[in-house]
């Protein structure tokens, strides 16, 4: 599967942004899709995941209540809605995919930069 992330940009603190990830493969039933981010000078961080088939979502505690992952089966696209953004959310955001039951994400999008100004 090939992934294409988009939607990054510059937003003021407290604002909202939605990033998207379009998947090339239409047979995603057994996939788990996820969003990661990597801030300057920091390691890549897992944020959220969603099972493609059932839409079961998971978010890490630090973004729970502010970020929401979703998927649109008709558009073959995964989204990350980000609200109440903070300057520390500034990072390159990556989408990724793995097969259910796998420990590793094997497909990655190219990343989209989100910059939150104070």
C-alpha atoms as a PDB file:
ATOM      1  CA  UNK A   1       0.000   0.000   0.000  1.00  0.00           C
ATOM      2  CA  UNK A   2       1.224   3.515  -0.803  1.00  0.00           C
ATOM      3  CA  UNK A   3       0.295   6.424   1.437  1.00  0.00           C
ATOM      4  CA  UNK A   4       0.112  10.113   0.589  1.00  0.00           C
ATOM      5  CA  UNK A   5      -0.155  12.561   3.481  1.00  0.00           C
ATOM      6  CA  UNK A   6      -1.394  16.099   3.070  1.00  0.00           C
ATOM      7  CA  UNK A   7      -3.018  18.963   4.908  1.00  0.00           C
ATOM      8  CA  UNK A   8      -0.185  20.312   7.008  1.00  0.00           C
ATOM      9  CA  UNK A   9       0.403  24.017   7.394  1.00  0.00           C
ATOM     10  CA  UNK A  10       0.812  26.947   9.746  1.00  0.00           C
ATOM     11  CA  UNK A  11      -1.787  27.477  12.453  1.00  0.00           C
ATOM     12  CA  UNK A  12      -1.968  29.631  15.559  1.00  0.00           C
ATOM     13  CA  UNK A  13      -1.982  28.123  19.015  1.00  0.00           C
ATOM     14  CA  UNK A  14      -5.493  27.115  19.976  1.00  0.00           C
ATOM     15  CA  UNK A  15      -6.449  26.532  16.377  1.00  0.00           C
ATOM     16  CA  UNK A  16      -7.408  23.389  14.498  1.00  0.00           C
ATOM     17  CA  UNK A  17      -6.080  21.492  11.529  1.00  0.00           C
ATOM     18  CA  UNK A  18      -6.940  18.255   9.800  1.00  0.00           C
ATOM     19  CA  UNK A  19      -4.303  16.179   8.070  1.00  0.00           C
ATOM     20  CA  UNK A  20      -5.212  13.496   5.572  1.00  0.00           C
ATOM     21  CA  UNK A  21      -3.650  10.296   4.324  1.00  0.00           C
ATOM     22  CA  UNK A  22      -4.809   8.768   1.076  1.00  0.00           C
ATOM     23  CA  UNK A  23      -4.117   5.069   0.588  1.00  0.00           C
ATOM     24  CA  UNK A  24      -3.576   3.502  -2.798  1.00  0.00           C
ATOM     25  CA  UNK A  25      -4.731   0.034  -1.867  1.00  0.00           C
ATOM     26  CA  UNK A  26      -8.471  -0.585  -1.785  1.00  0.00           C
ATOM     27  CA  UNK A  27      -8.127  -3.888   0.064  1.00  0.00           C
ATOM     28  CA  UNK A  28      -7.484  -2.420   3.491  1.00  0.00           C
ATOM     29  CA  UNK A  29      -9.827  -4.600   5.526  1.00  0.00           C
ATOM     30  CA  UNK A  30      -7.005  -6.221   7.452  1.00  0.00           C
ATOM     31  CA  UNK A  31      -5.011  -3.056   8.000  1.00  0.00           C
ATOM     32  CA  UNK A  32      -4.424  -0.811  10.964  1.00  0.00           C
ATOM     33  CA  UNK A  33      -3.743   2.793  10.040  1.00  0.00           C
ATOM     34  CA  UNK A  34      -1.873   5.177  12.297  1.00  0.00           C
ATOM     35  CA  UNK A  35      -0.466   8.649  12.721  1.00  0.00           C
ATOM     36  CA  UNK A  36       2.977   9.410  14.083  1.00  0.00           C
ATOM     37  CA  UNK A  37       4.853  12.664  14.426  1.00  0.00           C
ATOM     38  CA  UNK A  38       8.454  13.731  14.706  1.00  0.00           C
ATOM     39  CA  UNK A  39       9.360  17.066  16.212  1.00  0.00           C
ATOM     40  CA  UNK A  40      12.747  18.705  15.529  1.00  0.00           C
ATOM     41  CA  UNK A  41      15.455  16.963  17.501  1.00  0.00           C
ATOM     42  CA  UNK A  42      13.089  14.345  18.868  1.00  0.00           C
ATOM     43  CA  UNK A  43      12.283  10.739  18.099  1.00  0.00           C
ATOM     44  CA  UNK A  44       9.246   9.755  16.113  1.00  0.00           C
ATOM     45  CA  UNK A  45       6.196   9.440  18.342  1.00  0.00           C
ATOM     46  CA  UNK A  46       3.111   7.272  17.881  1.00  0.00           C
ATOM     47  CA  UNK A  47      -0.127   9.234  18.268  1.00  0.00           C
ATOM     48  CA  UNK A  48      -3.200   7.349  17.157  1.00  0.00           C
ATOM     49  CA  UNK A  49      -4.348   4.250  15.334  1.00  0.00           C
ATOM     50  CA  UNK A  50      -7.559   2.949  13.839  1.00  0.00           C
ATOM     51  CA  UNK A  51      -8.626  -0.423  12.516  1.00  0.00           C
ATOM     52  CA  UNK A  52      -9.757   0.001   8.944  1.00  0.00           C
ATOM     53  CA  UNK A  53     -12.554  -2.534   9.084  1.00  0.00           C
ATOM     54  CA  UNK A  54     -14.282  -1.684  12.399  1.00  0.00           C
ATOM     55  CA  UNK A  55     -13.014   1.840  12.930  1.00  0.00           C
ATOM     56  CA  UNK A  56     -11.767   1.119  16.431  1.00  0.00           C
ATOM     57  CA  UNK A  57      -9.606   4.100  17.397  1.00  0.00           C
ATOM     58  CA  UNK A  58      -6.837   4.505  19.934  1.00  0.00           C
ATOM     59  CA  UNK A  59      -5.064   7.676  21.033  1.00  0.00           C
ATOM     60  CA  UNK A  60      -2.175   8.172  23.390  1.00  0.00           C
ATOM     61  CA  UNK A  61      -3.030  10.030  26.575  1.00  0.00           C
ATOM     62  CA  UNK A  62      -1.215  13.229  25.651  1.00  0.00           C
ATOM     63  CA  UNK A  63      -3.482  13.860  22.638  1.00  0.00           C
ATOM     64  CA  UNK A  64      -6.671  12.219  23.844  1.00  0.00           C
ATOM     65  CA  UNK A  65      -9.487  14.736  23.786  1.00  0.00           C
ATOM     66  CA  UNK A  66      -7.627  17.040  21.366  1.00  0.00           C
ATOM     67  CA  UNK A  67      -6.852  14.758  18.427  1.00  0.00           C
ATOM     68  CA  UNK A  68      -9.216  12.356  16.695  1.00  0.00           C
ATOM     69  CA  UNK A  69      -8.368   9.753  14.081  1.00  0.00           C
ATOM     70  CA  UNK A  70     -11.000   8.645  11.597  1.00  0.00           C
ATOM     71  CA  UNK A  71     -11.261   6.946   8.238  1.00  0.00           C
ATOM     72  CA  UNK A  72     -13.461   7.305   5.193  1.00  0.00           C
ATOM     73  CA  UNK A  73     -13.768   3.982   3.435  1.00  0.00           C
ATOM     74  CA  UNK A  74     -15.297   5.496   0.309  1.00  0.00           C
ATOM     75  CA  UNK A  75     -12.335   7.855  -0.080  1.00  0.00           C
ATOM     76  CA  UNK A  76      -9.723   5.362   1.118  1.00  0.00           C
ATOM     77  CA  UNK A  77      -8.469   8.094   3.398  1.00  0.00           C
ATOM     78  CA  UNK A  78      -7.487   8.382   7.036  1.00  0.00           C
ATOM     79  CA  UNK A  79      -7.705  11.679   8.864  1.00  0.00           C
ATOM     80  CA  UNK A  80      -6.276  13.193  12.010  1.00  0.00           C
ATOM     81  CA  UNK A  81      -8.341  16.074  13.309  1.00  0.00           C
ATOM     82  CA  UNK A  82      -6.254  18.200  15.635  1.00  0.00           C
ATOM     83  CA  UNK A  83      -7.866  20.752  17.916  1.00  0.00           C
ATOM     84  CA  UNK A  84      -6.562  23.110  20.604  1.00  0.00           C
ATOM     85  CA  UNK A  85      -3.150  22.965  18.996  1.00  0.00           C
ATOM     86  CA  UNK A  86      -0.097  23.947  21.002  1.00  0.00           C
ATOM     87  CA  UNK A  87       3.352  25.082  19.855  1.00  0.00           C
ATOM     88  CA  UNK A  88       4.719  21.750  21.098  1.00  0.00           C
ATOM     89  CA  UNK A  89       2.532  20.003  18.510  1.00  0.00           C
ATOM     90  CA  UNK A  90       4.830  21.398  15.825  1.00  0.00           C
ATOM     91  CA  UNK A  91       6.222  18.404  13.948  1.00  0.00           C
ATOM     92  CA  UNK A  92       6.207  16.453  10.735  1.00  0.00           C
ATOM     93  CA  UNK A  93       3.170  14.187  10.825  1.00  0.00           C
ATOM     94  CA  UNK A  94       3.370  10.767   9.189  1.00  0.00           C
ATOM     95  CA  UNK A  95       0.692   8.255   8.403  1.00  0.00           C
ATOM     96  CA  UNK A  96       1.509   4.577   8.448  1.00  0.00           C
ATOM     97  CA  UNK A  97      -0.102   1.216   7.841  1.00  0.00           C
ATOM     98  CA  UNK A  98       0.407  -2.310   9.078  1.00  0.00           C
ATOM     99  CA  UNK A  99      -1.381  -5.610   8.857  1.00  0.00           C
ATOM    100  CA  UNK A 100      -3.442  -6.536  11.888  1.00  0.00           C
ATOM    101  CA  UNK A 101      -1.406  -8.706  14.216  1.00  0.00           C
ATOM    102  CA  UNK A 102       1.875  -7.272  12.986  1.00  0.00           C
ATOM    103  CA  UNK A 103       4.189  -5.410  15.338  1.00  0.00           C
ATOM    104  CA  UNK A 104       5.613  -3.114  12.712  1.00  0.00           C
ATOM    105  CA  UNK A 105       4.203  -0.471  10.410  1.00  0.00           C
ATOM    106  CA  UNK A 106       5.520  -1.365   6.980  1.00  0.00           C
ATOM    107  CA  UNK A 107       4.100   1.434   4.857  1.00  0.00           C
ATOM    108  CA  UNK A 108       4.716   5.123   5.460  1.00  0.00           C
ATOM    109  CA  UNK A 109       3.559   8.340   3.923  1.00  0.00           C
ATOM    110  CA  UNK A 110       6.014  11.103   3.119  1.00  0.00           C
ATOM    111  CA  UNK A 111       5.047  13.323   6.043  1.00  0.00           C
ATOM    112  CA  UNK A 112       3.331  16.658   6.235  1.00  0.00           C
ATOM    113  CA  UNK A 113       4.637  19.573   8.301  1.00  0.00           C
ATOM    114  CA  UNK A 114       2.425  21.144  10.953  1.00  0.00           C
ATOM    115  CA  UNK A 115       3.684  24.354  12.508  1.00  0.00           C
ATOM    116  CA  UNK A 116       1.872  25.878  15.479  1.00  0.00           C
ATOM    117  CA  UNK A 117       2.776  29.465  16.254  1.00  0.00           C
ATOM    118  CA  UNK A 118       2.453  30.958  19.732  1.00  0.00           C
END
